[in-house]
């Protein structure tokens, strides 16, 4: 699929709210969602495991004998906060690469531990407690509790943000941490920032790994870069951005000027779209908020190298616009045509082909629709040619 520039314009939205047929969803919806969730979850796991192996943007080094292990404090805080507290402590100097000695571990054992931390899609809290009990507490180290477990973290500026840690699998609005530093935020931006950060907290992360990383982002723990979009700031982590997006990996490497800056500014993307992108980067979220434009997000996912987000967008188009290509739903045929236009504009050939086949199959229902008259002429011609070919093959 060809990349599109930042000035590319996604297709105009023809409908305000595509219809969904409940019977069709009951037949095909759950299996499609399970497939999508498994794919996004596996991709998130592999991206984080590659981040560990490639040692990109590491900020903490562990030593076991003569063996060194480079890691990322943000990932450790997200997944094993108590272990991070016991070994690394409160220090937040991201440029400090002095090795942290870890006792009672064999090098091979610690390597497996890190691999589980970075790649396990399951809740690893019990695993962390077992490691702490066997390797830390029983060795005589004092037993402490990490502040992160109750939602208190410190960012680059030494400021804290407080929130509660929930075991729920979704991010509901009541989980949003209170900001103790509202005096540092301009009053005119405060209300808008809250609106931006609350509109998709009820979306499902792909896995426990995604949930942990998303909490890290929401609570703004140890961010090391600001992303400015539409005048709004998104505090993020270079390592996670680079692991998940080929665009950010290139931008934050040594080849771009932004690699040495503490902030980057993105053009051609709205704050709503950026909110969707960054929540997917961290959590692998499987839905979009109601006000999100699926066509625009599909275009952005292509540009930023987020293959998994493209799959989520295609799934939403198939579900909400095409009803998984079940039987035609009265007065909702126009949504199939809208999906056809989006797929053609962004270049999703498989989705475009499925839309074409379904339209040709039910062409008698489409040709008299006013919305079909609004379809670009070249697409209309393609539909007619395919219809003629299907009739010829029958005869």
Protein backbone atom coordinates (compact mmCIF):
# COMPACT_ATOMS: atom_id res chain seq x y z
CA UNK A 1 0.00 0.00 0.00
CA UNK A 2 1.41 3.36 -0.96
CA UNK A 3 2.08 5.85 1.79
CA UNK A 4 0.10 9.05 1.87
CA UNK A 5 1.50 12.42 2.84
CA UNK A 6 0.35 14.54 5.74
CA UNK A 7 -1.74 16.69 3.43
CA UNK A 8 -3.77 13.76 2.15
CA UNK A 9 -7.48 14.14 2.70
CA UNK A 10 -9.59 11.19 3.72
CA UNK A 11 -12.95 10.74 1.97
CA UNK A 12 -15.92 12.81 3.02
CA UNK A 13 -18.31 11.12 5.43
CA UNK A 14 -21.62 10.32 3.76
CA UNK A 15 -23.44 9.07 6.83
CA UNK A 16 -23.62 10.26 10.40
CA UNK A 17 -24.10 6.86 11.99
CA UNK A 18 -23.91 3.61 10.02
CA UNK A 19 -26.43 0.97 10.97
CA UNK A 20 -25.63 -2.43 12.37
CA UNK A 21 -27.70 -5.57 11.98
CA UNK A 22 -27.77 -7.42 15.30
CA UNK A 23 -28.40 -10.82 13.70
CA UNK A 24 -25.37 -10.44 11.46
CA UNK A 25 -23.24 -9.42 14.40
CA UNK A 26 -24.44 -12.37 16.43
CA UNK A 27 -23.34 -14.74 13.68
CA UNK A 28 -19.98 -13.30 12.75
CA UNK A 29 -19.13 -10.44 15.12
CA UNK A 30 -17.68 -12.35 18.11
CA UNK A 31 -15.38 -14.55 16.03
CA UNK A 32 -14.08 -11.54 14.06
CA UNK A 33 -13.40 -9.64 17.27
CA UNK A 34 -11.58 -12.59 18.84
CA UNK A 35 -9.41 -12.86 15.75
CA UNK A 36 -8.66 -9.13 15.83
CA UNK A 37 -7.90 -9.15 19.55
CA UNK A 38 -5.52 -12.08 19.22
CA UNK A 39 -3.71 -10.42 16.32
CA UNK A 40 -3.37 -7.00 18.02
CA UNK A 41 -2.34 -8.63 21.30
CA UNK A 42 0.37 -10.70 19.63
CA UNK A 43 1.65 -7.69 17.71
CA UNK A 44 1.92 -5.62 20.90
CA UNK A 45 3.80 -8.43 22.61
CA UNK A 46 6.23 -8.86 19.72
CA UNK A 47 6.84 -5.09 19.45
CA UNK A 48 7.79 -4.86 23.14
CA UNK A 49 9.94 -7.97 22.97
CA UNK A 50 11.81 -6.50 19.99
CA UNK A 51 12.28 -3.28 21.96
CA UNK A 52 13.97 -5.29 24.71
CA UNK A 53 16.21 -7.21 22.32
CA UNK A 54 17.27 -4.20 20.26
CA UNK A 55 17.97 -2.11 23.41
CA UNK A 56 16.57 1.09 21.87
CA UNK A 57 16.09 4.12 24.17
CA UNK A 58 17.05 2.14 27.28
CA UNK A 59 17.43 4.11 30.50
CA UNK A 60 18.27 1.51 33.16
CA UNK A 61 20.97 -1.18 33.22
CA UNK A 62 21.02 -4.23 35.48
CA UNK A 63 24.14 -6.24 36.24
CA UNK A 64 24.38 -9.88 37.25
CA UNK A 65 28.04 -10.73 37.62
CA UNK A 66 29.68 -9.62 34.39
CA UNK A 67 26.43 -9.74 32.40
CA UNK A 68 24.58 -6.49 31.70
CA UNK A 69 20.88 -6.18 30.85
CA UNK A 70 19.54 -2.93 29.41
CA UNK A 71 15.88 -2.18 29.97
CA UNK A 72 13.28 0.59 30.10
CA UNK A 73 12.11 2.02 33.39
CA UNK A 74 8.71 2.91 31.93
CA UNK A 75 7.97 -0.70 30.98
CA UNK A 76 9.14 -1.94 34.38
CA UNK A 77 6.93 0.60 36.15
CA UNK A 78 3.96 -0.45 34.04
CA UNK A 79 4.38 -4.19 34.53
CA UNK A 80 6.41 -4.85 37.69
CA UNK A 81 6.30 -1.61 39.70
CA UNK A 82 7.21 -3.19 43.03
CA UNK A 83 10.24 -4.94 41.55
CA UNK A 84 11.27 -1.66 39.90
CA UNK A 85 10.97 0.15 43.22
CA UNK A 86 13.02 -2.46 45.08
CA UNK A 87 15.82 -2.52 42.51
CA UNK A 88 15.92 0.89 40.83
CA UNK A 89 14.33 2.97 43.58
CA UNK A 90 12.90 6.46 43.27
CA UNK A 91 15.62 7.81 41.01
CA UNK A 92 14.25 9.34 37.83
CA UNK A 93 17.45 10.37 36.08
CA UNK A 94 16.87 8.82 32.67
CA UNK A 95 20.47 9.51 31.62
CA UNK A 96 21.92 7.52 34.50
CA UNK A 97 23.20 4.24 33.05
CA UNK A 98 25.18 3.13 36.09
CA UNK A 99 24.40 -0.59 36.40
CA UNK A 100 22.03 -1.69 39.14
CA UNK A 101 23.29 -4.89 40.76
CA UNK A 102 20.65 -7.61 41.11
CA UNK A 103 21.36 -10.42 43.54
CA UNK A 104 20.03 -13.97 43.78
CA UNK A 105 19.44 -14.20 40.02
CA UNK A 106 21.26 -16.26 37.45
CA UNK A 107 21.84 -14.37 34.20
CA UNK A 108 19.69 -16.79 32.20
CA UNK A 109 16.93 -16.59 34.80
CA UNK A 110 16.90 -12.79 34.76
CA UNK A 111 16.80 -12.79 30.96
CA UNK A 112 13.66 -14.92 31.04
CA UNK A 113 12.19 -12.63 33.69
CA UNK A 114 12.64 -9.59 31.45
CA UNK A 115 11.20 -11.40 28.45
CA UNK A 116 8.07 -12.24 30.45
CA UNK A 117 7.77 -8.66 31.68
CA UNK A 118 7.97 -7.27 28.15
CA UNK A 119 5.94 -9.84 26.25
CA UNK A 120 3.46 -11.66 28.48
CA UNK A 121 -0.14 -10.90 27.54
CA UNK A 122 -1.36 -12.07 30.94
CA UNK A 123 -1.52 -10.42 34.34
CA UNK A 124 1.91 -11.00 35.87
CA UNK A 125 1.21 -9.57 39.33
CA UNK A 126 1.44 -13.00 40.98
CA UNK A 127 4.64 -13.70 39.08
CA UNK A 128 6.11 -10.40 40.29
CA UNK A 129 5.15 -11.19 43.89
CA UNK A 130 6.78 -14.61 43.62
CA UNK A 131 9.98 -13.06 42.26
CA UNK A 132 9.99 -10.46 45.03
CA UNK A 133 9.44 -13.08 47.72
CA UNK A 134 12.09 -15.48 46.49
CA UNK A 135 14.70 -13.10 45.14
CA UNK A 136 14.34 -9.89 47.12
CA UNK A 137 12.54 -10.29 50.44
CA UNK A 138 14.06 -13.64 51.43
CA UNK A 139 17.51 -12.25 50.69
CA UNK A 140 17.12 -9.84 53.58
CA UNK A 141 16.10 -6.68 51.67
CA UNK A 142 13.51 -4.54 53.49
CA UNK A 143 9.96 -5.03 52.30
CA UNK A 144 8.51 -1.89 50.75
CA UNK A 145 5.61 -0.94 48.54
CA UNK A 146 5.95 0.97 45.30
CA UNK A 147 3.94 4.19 45.08
CA UNK A 148 3.00 3.28 41.51
CA UNK A 149 0.68 0.55 42.77
CA UNK A 150 -1.59 3.19 44.24
CA UNK A 151 -1.28 5.40 41.21
CA UNK A 152 1.37 7.93 42.27
CA UNK A 153 4.15 8.60 39.78
CA UNK A 154 6.77 11.21 39.13
CA UNK A 155 7.42 12.67 35.70
CA UNK A 156 10.53 14.28 34.24
CA UNK A 157 9.94 17.57 36.04
CA UNK A 158 9.57 15.95 39.45
CA UNK A 159 5.83 16.60 39.48
CA UNK A 160 3.43 13.90 40.59
CA UNK A 161 0.10 12.77 39.21
CA UNK A 162 -2.22 10.73 41.38
CA UNK A 163 -4.79 8.20 40.36
CA UNK A 164 -6.05 4.83 41.47
CA UNK A 165 -4.96 1.55 40.00
CA UNK A 166 -7.93 -0.54 38.92
CA UNK A 167 -8.06 -4.20 38.04
CA UNK A 168 -10.89 -3.59 35.60
CA UNK A 169 -10.09 -4.38 31.99
CA UNK A 170 -11.61 -1.17 30.64
CA UNK A 171 -10.66 2.45 31.24
CA UNK A 172 -13.77 4.18 32.52
CA UNK A 173 -14.02 7.90 33.06
CA UNK A 174 -14.03 7.58 36.86
CA UNK A 175 -10.48 6.17 36.68
CA UNK A 176 -8.98 9.44 35.43
CA UNK A 177 -6.31 10.59 37.88
CA UNK A 178 -6.71 13.94 39.56
CA UNK A 179 -4.04 16.42 38.52
CA UNK A 180 -2.36 18.01 41.51
CA UNK A 181 -0.68 20.57 39.26
CA UNK A 182 -3.65 22.23 37.61
CA UNK A 183 -2.14 25.58 38.50
CA UNK A 184 0.61 24.74 36.00
CA UNK A 185 -1.93 24.35 33.19
CA UNK A 186 -3.46 27.38 31.47
CA UNK A 187 -7.11 27.67 32.47
CA UNK A 188 -8.39 27.85 28.89
CA UNK A 189 -6.72 24.53 28.02
CA UNK A 190 -7.65 22.65 31.18
CA UNK A 191 -11.24 21.85 30.24
CA UNK A 192 -10.38 20.88 26.69
CA UNK A 193 -7.53 18.61 27.77
CA UNK A 194 -9.90 16.78 30.10
CA UNK A 195 -12.34 16.25 27.25
CA UNK A 196 -9.57 14.87 25.07
CA UNK A 197 -8.33 12.44 27.70
CA UNK A 198 -11.70 11.01 28.79
CA UNK A 199 -13.54 10.18 25.60
CA UNK A 200 -12.09 6.70 25.03
CA UNK A 201 -11.29 5.35 28.48
CA UNK A 202 -14.06 2.76 28.14
CA UNK A 203 -12.39 1.07 25.15
CA UNK A 204 -10.96 -2.41 25.60
CA UNK A 205 -7.18 -2.93 25.53
CA UNK A 206 -6.03 -5.97 23.58
CA UNK A 207 -4.42 -7.67 26.59
CA UNK A 208 -3.16 -7.26 30.14
CA UNK A 209 0.09 -5.97 28.65
CA UNK A 210 -1.89 -3.29 26.81
CA UNK A 211 -3.83 -2.43 29.96
CA UNK A 212 -0.63 -1.98 31.97
CA UNK A 213 1.00 0.20 29.33
CA UNK A 214 -2.15 2.27 28.91
CA UNK A 215 -2.26 2.96 32.64
CA UNK A 216 1.35 4.09 32.41
CA UNK A 217 0.35 6.61 29.74
CA UNK A 218 -2.82 7.77 31.46
CA UNK A 219 -1.01 8.40 34.75
CA UNK A 220 1.87 10.17 32.94
CA UNK A 221 4.58 8.16 34.68
CA UNK A 222 8.11 9.13 33.64
CA UNK A 223 7.32 10.53 30.17
CA UNK A 224 10.37 11.68 28.23
CA UNK A 225 8.81 13.44 25.26
CA UNK A 226 5.89 15.78 24.57
CA UNK A 227 3.90 15.49 21.34
CA UNK A 228 2.08 18.68 20.34
CA UNK A 229 -0.98 18.32 18.12
CA UNK A 230 -3.49 21.11 17.58
CA UNK A 231 -1.86 23.02 20.43
CA UNK A 232 -2.47 20.11 22.82
CA UNK A 233 0.28 18.16 24.56
CA UNK A 234 0.51 14.37 24.74
CA UNK A 235 3.15 13.13 27.20
CA UNK A 236 4.65 9.87 25.99
CA UNK A 237 7.69 7.58 26.07
CA UNK A 238 10.20 7.44 23.23
CA UNK A 239 10.83 3.73 23.65
CA UNK A 240 7.17 2.71 23.37
CA UNK A 241 6.52 5.07 20.46
CA UNK A 242 9.54 3.68 18.60
CA UNK A 243 8.62 0.07 19.32
CA UNK A 244 5.09 0.46 17.99
CA UNK A 245 5.38 2.88 15.06
CA UNK A 246 7.90 2.85 12.22
CA UNK A 247 7.24 6.57 11.73
CA UNK A 248 8.15 7.42 15.33
CA UNK A 249 11.07 4.98 15.25
CA UNK A 250 12.57 6.95 12.36
CA UNK A 251 11.72 10.34 13.84
CA UNK A 252 13.19 9.58 17.26
CA UNK A 253 16.35 7.96 15.94
CA UNK A 254 19.57 9.86 15.30
CA UNK A 255 18.63 10.67 11.71
CA UNK A 256 15.98 13.29 12.46
CA UNK A 257 16.36 16.60 14.25
CA UNK A 258 13.50 15.65 16.58
CA UNK A 259 15.61 12.84 18.06
CA UNK A 260 17.50 15.29 20.25
CA UNK A 261 14.51 17.44 21.23
CA UNK A 262 12.25 17.10 24.26
CA UNK A 263 9.14 17.65 22.17
CA UNK A 264 7.85 17.09 18.65
CA UNK A 265 5.05 18.78 16.73
CA UNK A 266 2.86 16.81 14.33
CA UNK A 267 0.95 18.36 11.45
CA UNK A 268 -1.97 17.03 9.43
CA UNK A 269 -3.57 15.18 12.35
CA UNK A 270 -6.24 16.32 14.80
CA UNK A 271 -6.05 15.87 18.56
CA UNK A 272 -8.95 13.39 18.37
CA UNK A 273 -7.05 11.24 15.86
CA UNK A 274 -3.85 11.55 17.89
CA UNK A 275 -5.74 10.42 20.97
CA UNK A 276 -6.88 7.30 19.12
CA UNK A 277 -3.38 6.64 17.76
CA UNK A 278 -1.61 6.96 21.09
CA UNK A 279 -4.15 4.84 22.96
CA UNK A 280 -3.67 2.15 20.35
CA UNK A 281 0.12 2.47 20.56
CA UNK A 282 0.02 1.83 24.30
CA UNK A 283 -3.01 -0.40 24.75
CA UNK A 284 -3.89 -1.91 21.39
CA UNK A 285 -7.45 -0.64 21.89
CA UNK A 286 -10.02 -2.40 19.72
CA UNK A 287 -12.58 0.35 19.08
CA UNK A 288 -12.81 4.04 18.29
CA UNK A 289 -14.82 6.73 20.09
CA UNK A 290 -18.08 7.69 18.42
CA UNK A 291 -16.81 11.03 17.13
CA UNK A 292 -13.75 9.55 15.43
CA UNK A 293 -13.64 9.53 11.62
CA UNK A 294 -12.72 5.96 10.64
CA UNK A 295 -11.54 7.00 7.18
CA UNK A 296 -9.17 9.60 8.60
CA UNK A 297 -7.79 7.21 11.20
CA UNK A 298 -7.23 4.53 8.57
CA UNK A 299 -5.23 7.07 6.59
CA UNK A 300 -3.25 8.12 9.68
CA UNK A 301 -2.53 4.50 10.61
CA UNK A 302 -1.06 3.95 7.16
CA UNK A 303 1.10 7.05 7.42
CA UNK A 304 2.42 6.30 10.91
CA UNK A 305 3.17 2.65 10.19
CA UNK A 306 0.57 1.20 12.56
CA UNK A 307 -0.48 -1.97 10.79
CA UNK A 308 -2.53 -3.17 13.74
CA UNK A 309 -4.51 0.07 13.88
CA UNK A 310 -5.28 -0.34 10.18
CA UNK A 311 -6.70 -3.78 10.97
CA UNK A 312 -8.86 -2.30 13.75
CA UNK A 313 -10.15 0.38 11.37
CA UNK A 314 -10.93 -2.21 8.70
CA UNK A 315 -12.72 -4.35 11.29
CA UNK A 316 -14.85 -1.35 12.34
CA UNK A 317 -15.68 -0.59 8.71
CA UNK A 318 -16.70 -4.20 8.12
CA UNK A 319 -18.77 -4.26 11.30
CA UNK A 320 -20.42 -0.83 11.45
CA UNK A 321 -20.59 0.05 7.76
CA UNK A 322 -20.94 -3.36 6.09
CA UNK A 323 -22.51 -5.55 8.78
CA UNK A 324 -19.87 -8.14 7.88
CA UNK A 325 -21.52 -8.34 4.45
CA UNK A 326 -24.64 -10.08 5.70
CA UNK A 327 -28.03 -9.60 4.04
CA UNK A 328 -28.90 -6.02 3.01
CA UNK A 329 -30.35 -3.82 5.75
CA UNK A 330 -33.10 -1.44 4.54
CA UNK A 331 -32.13 2.23 4.37
CA UNK A 332 -28.51 1.38 5.23
CA UNK A 333 -27.14 0.51 1.81
CA UNK A 334 -25.40 3.88 1.62
CA UNK A 335 -22.96 2.83 4.37
CA UNK A 336 -21.61 0.07 2.11
CA UNK A 337 -21.00 2.68 -0.57
CA UNK A 338 -19.23 4.92 1.94
CA UNK A 339 -16.99 2.02 2.94
CA UNK A 340 -16.29 1.36 -0.75
CA UNK A 341 -15.16 4.97 -1.23
CA UNK A 342 -12.97 4.89 1.90
CA UNK A 343 -11.33 1.61 0.87
CA UNK A 344 -10.66 2.98 -2.63
CA UNK A 345 -9.27 6.28 -1.31
CA UNK A 346 -6.87 4.72 1.20
CA UNK A 347 -6.00 1.73 -0.95
CA UNK A 348 -7.34 -1.20 1.09
CA UNK A 349 -7.72 -3.57 -1.85
CA UNK A 350 -9.21 -6.52 0.03
CA UNK A 351 -11.96 -4.42 1.61
CA UNK A 352 -12.63 -2.66 -1.69
CA UNK A 353 -12.98 -6.02 -3.46
CA UNK A 354 -15.38 -7.35 -0.82
CA UNK A 355 -17.53 -4.22 -1.09
CA UNK A 356 -17.58 -4.51 -4.88
CA UNK A 357 -18.60 -8.17 -4.80
CA UNK A 358 -21.39 -7.49 -2.33
CA UNK A 359 -22.68 -4.49 -4.30
CA UNK A 360 -22.69 -6.49 -7.54
CA UNK A 361 -24.51 -9.33 -5.82
CA UNK A 362 -27.23 -6.94 -4.66
CA UNK A 363 -26.99 -4.50 -7.54
CA UNK A 364 -30.75 -4.39 -8.06
CA UNK A 365 -31.01 -2.79 -4.61
CA UNK A 366 -28.24 -0.29 -5.27
CA UNK A 367 -28.64 1.15 -8.73
CA UNK A 368 -31.73 3.18 -7.85
CA UNK A 369 -30.22 4.55 -4.62
CA UNK A 370 -29.48 8.27 -4.61
CA UNK A 371 -26.27 7.57 -2.72
CA UNK A 372 -25.05 5.39 -5.62
CA UNK A 373 -25.33 8.42 -7.90
CA UNK A 374 -22.90 10.25 -5.60
CA UNK A 375 -20.24 7.57 -5.95
CA UNK A 376 -17.26 8.72 -8.10
CA UNK A 377 -17.80 7.84 -11.79
CA UNK A 378 -14.75 5.56 -12.00
CA UNK A 379 -16.09 3.44 -9.13
CA UNK A 380 -19.55 3.32 -10.72
CA UNK A 381 -17.94 2.12 -13.92
CA UNK A 382 -16.03 -0.58 -12.06
CA UNK A 383 -19.27 -1.79 -10.47
CA UNK A 384 -21.00 -1.96 -13.86
CA UNK A 385 -18.08 -3.77 -15.47
CA UNK A 386 -18.01 -6.33 -12.69
CA UNK A 387 -21.77 -6.79 -13.00
CA UNK A 388 -21.47 -7.37 -16.74
CA UNK A 389 -18.68 -9.90 -16.18
CA UNK A 390 -20.78 -11.76 -13.63
CA UNK A 391 -23.72 -11.92 -16.05
CA UNK A 392 -21.50 -13.16 -18.87
CA UNK A 393 -20.02 -15.89 -16.68
CA UNK A 394 -23.52 -17.06 -15.75
CA UNK A 395 -24.60 -17.34 -19.38
